[in-house]
N, C-alpha and C. Protein backbone atom coordinates (compact mmCIF):
# COMPACT_ATOMS: atom_id res chain seq x y z
N MET A 1 108.12 119.98 103.20
CA MET A 1 107.03 118.57 103.24
C MET A 1 105.66 118.99 102.82
N LYS A 2 104.78 118.14 102.30
CA LYS A 2 103.58 118.30 101.93
C LYS A 2 102.99 117.58 103.33
N VAL A 3 101.69 118.31 103.68
CA VAL A 3 101.15 117.57 104.75
C VAL A 3 100.77 115.61 104.48
N LYS A 4 100.53 115.80 103.25
CA LYS A 4 99.97 114.02 103.18
C LYS A 4 101.27 113.57 103.31
N SER A 5 102.54 113.70 103.01
CA SER A 5 103.79 113.24 102.68
C SER A 5 104.51 112.95 104.64
N MET A 6 104.20 113.93 105.13
CA MET A 6 104.31 113.82 106.61
C MET A 6 103.60 112.97 107.35
N ILE A 7 102.24 113.38 107.08
CA ILE A 7 101.67 111.74 107.76
C ILE A 7 101.96 110.31 107.46
N ALA A 8 102.12 110.37 106.09
CA ALA A 8 102.75 108.97 105.46
C ALA A 8 103.85 108.50 106.28
N LEU A 9 105.08 109.40 106.49
CA LEU A 9 106.11 109.50 107.12
C LEU A 9 105.96 108.94 108.66
N GLY A 10 104.99 109.73 109.41
CA GLY A 10 104.42 109.47 110.84
C GLY A 10 103.80 108.04 110.84
N LEU A 11 102.91 107.65 110.08
CA LEU A 11 102.53 106.31 109.61
C LEU A 11 103.73 105.07 110.10
N VAL A 12 104.56 105.32 108.99
CA VAL A 12 105.54 104.62 108.58
C VAL A 12 106.51 104.47 110.06
N ILE A 13 106.46 105.43 110.43
CA ILE A 13 107.58 105.27 111.49
C ILE A 13 106.72 104.72 112.78
N LEU A 14 105.51 104.55 113.03
CA LEU A 14 104.77 104.13 113.90
C LEU A 14 104.34 102.49 113.78
N VAL A 15 104.49 102.35 112.55
CA VAL A 15 104.28 101.00 112.43
C VAL A 15 105.72 100.25 112.30
N VAL A 16 106.82 101.01 112.00
CA VAL A 16 107.95 100.44 112.45
C VAL A 16 108.32 100.15 114.15
N ILE A 17 107.98 100.81 114.49
CA ILE A 17 108.26 100.99 116.14
C ILE A 17 107.11 99.74 116.42
N PHE A 18 106.07 99.89 116.07
CA PHE A 18 105.18 98.53 116.47
C PHE A 18 106.07 97.47 116.47
N VAL A 19 106.20 96.99 114.97
CA VAL A 19 106.85 95.96 114.72
C VAL A 19 108.17 94.98 115.40
N VAL A 20 109.10 96.38 115.54
CA VAL A 20 110.14 96.32 116.35
C VAL A 20 109.28 95.70 117.92
N GLN A 21 108.71 96.22 118.62
CA GLN A 21 108.24 95.97 120.28
C GLN A 21 107.22 94.88 120.01
N ASN A 22 107.07 94.32 118.82
CA ASN A 22 106.07 92.94 118.68
C ASN A 22 106.63 91.83 118.04
N HIS A 23 107.67 91.75 118.04
CA HIS A 23 108.39 90.74 117.12
C HIS A 23 108.14 89.26 117.50
N GLU A 24 107.69 88.80 118.83
CA GLU A 24 107.65 87.56 119.74
C GLU A 24 106.72 86.61 118.35
N THR A 25 107.32 85.33 118.33
CA THR A 25 106.46 84.41 117.83
C THR A 25 105.60 83.89 118.25
N VAL A 26 104.21 84.03 117.71
CA VAL A 26 103.28 83.52 118.49
C VAL A 26 102.57 82.50 117.74
N LYS A 27 101.55 81.68 118.18
CA LYS A 27 100.26 80.60 117.57
C LYS A 27 99.19 81.43 117.54
N VAL A 28 98.32 80.85 116.42
CA VAL A 28 96.82 81.54 116.58
C VAL A 28 96.39 80.32 115.76
N TRP A 29 95.17 80.14 116.57
CA TRP A 29 94.32 79.04 115.70
C TRP A 29 93.05 79.75 115.76
N PHE A 30 92.81 79.19 114.29
CA PHE A 30 91.14 79.52 114.08
C PHE A 30 90.50 78.40 113.03
N LEU A 31 89.61 77.78 113.96
CA LEU A 31 88.74 76.57 113.46
C LEU A 31 90.08 75.34 113.02
N PHE A 32 90.51 75.11 111.68
CA PHE A 32 91.12 73.78 111.64
C PHE A 32 92.57 74.48 111.09
N TRP A 33 92.65 75.84 111.11
CA TRP A 33 93.74 76.14 110.99
C TRP A 33 94.78 76.89 112.05
N GLN A 34 96.21 76.44 111.93
CA GLN A 34 97.17 77.47 112.66
C GLN A 34 98.05 77.78 111.81
N ILE A 35 98.55 79.17 112.62
CA ILE A 35 99.31 80.13 112.03
C ILE A 35 100.22 80.48 113.18
N THR A 36 101.85 80.50 112.77
CA THR A 36 102.59 80.87 113.47
C THR A 36 103.31 82.06 112.93
N GLY A 37 103.52 82.69 113.51
CA GLY A 37 104.28 84.25 113.13
C GLY A 37 104.67 85.20 114.08
N SER A 38 105.16 86.19 113.74
CA SER A 38 105.60 87.27 114.54
C SER A 38 104.02 88.08 114.83
N ARG A 39 104.05 88.42 116.33
CA ARG A 39 102.92 89.08 116.74
C ARG A 39 102.41 90.22 115.62
N ALA A 40 103.13 90.97 115.47
CA ALA A 40 102.85 92.54 114.27
C ALA A 40 102.42 91.71 113.34
N ALA A 41 103.08 90.92 112.77
CA ALA A 41 102.73 90.29 111.33
C ALA A 41 101.07 89.32 111.36
N ILE A 42 100.82 88.98 112.31
CA ILE A 42 99.46 88.39 112.66
C ILE A 42 98.59 89.54 112.60
N LEU A 43 99.04 90.65 113.58
CA LEU A 43 97.81 91.78 113.60
C LEU A 43 97.74 92.66 112.48
N ILE A 44 98.55 92.37 111.87
CA ILE A 44 98.47 93.60 110.96
C ILE A 44 97.57 92.81 109.65
N LEU A 45 98.14 91.65 109.47
CA LEU A 45 97.20 90.66 108.82
C LEU A 45 95.73 90.57 108.82
N THR A 46 95.62 90.44 110.40
CA THR A 46 93.87 90.61 110.58
C THR A 46 93.34 92.05 110.57
N PHE A 47 94.26 92.66 110.82
CA PHE A 47 93.79 94.31 110.15
C PHE A 47 93.60 94.52 108.86
N ALA A 48 93.93 94.04 107.95
CA ALA A 48 93.99 93.89 106.50
C ALA A 48 92.89 93.26 105.85
N VAL A 49 92.63 92.31 106.46
CA VAL A 49 91.25 91.18 106.27
C VAL A 49 90.37 91.88 106.57
N GLY A 50 90.18 92.37 107.52
CA GLY A 50 89.23 93.11 108.39
C GLY A 50 88.79 94.40 107.22
N CYS A 51 89.91 95.00 106.87
CA CYS A 51 89.70 96.48 105.79
C CYS A 51 89.02 96.01 104.73
N VAL A 52 89.61 94.49 104.19
CA VAL A 52 88.92 94.44 102.60
C VAL A 52 88.07 94.00 102.76
N THR A 53 87.56 93.04 104.03
CA THR A 53 86.12 92.87 104.23
C THR A 53 85.11 93.63 104.33
N GLY A 54 85.39 94.88 105.44
CA GLY A 54 84.80 96.15 105.33
C GLY A 54 84.45 97.07 104.02
N TRP A 55 85.64 96.86 103.19
CA TRP A 55 85.56 97.00 101.84
C TRP A 55 84.33 96.64 100.81
N LEU A 56 84.63 95.20 100.74
CA LEU A 56 83.68 94.71 100.00
C LEU A 56 82.28 94.59 100.19
N VAL A 57 81.85 94.56 102.00
CA VAL A 57 80.42 95.01 101.93
C VAL A 57 80.20 96.14 101.85
N GLY A 58 80.63 97.13 101.86
CA GLY A 58 80.58 98.28 101.34
C GLY A 58 79.98 99.01 100.27
N ILE A 59 80.93 97.90 99.24
CA ILE A 59 80.78 97.75 97.54
C ILE A 59 79.41 97.31 97.30
N GLN A 60 78.95 96.36 98.28
CA GLN A 60 77.82 95.45 97.92
C GLN A 60 76.32 96.59 98.29
N GLN A 61 76.81 96.98 99.60
CA GLN A 61 75.95 97.86 99.85
C GLN A 61 75.64 99.13 98.87
N LYS A 62 76.49 99.68 98.54
CA LYS A 62 75.85 100.72 97.12
C LYS A 62 75.54 100.03 96.12
N LYS A 63 75.94 99.29 95.57
CA LYS A 63 75.00 98.54 94.51
C LYS A 63 73.54 98.10 95.11
N THR A 64 73.20 97.46 96.11
CA THR A 64 72.09 97.40 96.38
C THR A 64 71.24 98.62 96.84
N ARG A 65 71.75 99.72 96.97
CA ARG A 65 71.28 101.06 97.06
C ARG A 65 71.14 101.28 95.95
N ARG A 66 71.57 101.51 94.78
CA ARG A 66 71.50 101.95 93.58
C ARG A 66 70.23 101.12 93.08
N GLN A 67 70.50 99.61 92.96
CA GLN A 67 69.39 99.13 92.51
C GLN A 67 67.83 99.34 93.27
N ASN A 68 67.95 99.59 94.38
CA ASN A 68 66.75 99.87 95.15
C ASN A 68 66.08 101.42 94.76
N HIS A 69 67.08 102.09 94.24
CA HIS A 69 66.64 103.46 93.76
C HIS A 69 65.92 104.10 92.79
N ARG A 70 66.24 102.88 91.74
CA ARG A 70 65.90 102.58 90.51
C ARG A 70 64.63 102.27 90.33
């Protein structure tokens, strides 16, 4: 197996273990919204939103740097 495949398989195994251990239903409130779901799903969703936000901010900073460089 290639190294990338082994790392990906290891990450999948860790995610499965995480989901199995955190399957309890929890309620999360944010401003006017309430979300009910498994703890693992809510944490993964929160992580994904943070990654997308960071990615978008990074893109904006790169555009700003390119404009300032010209």
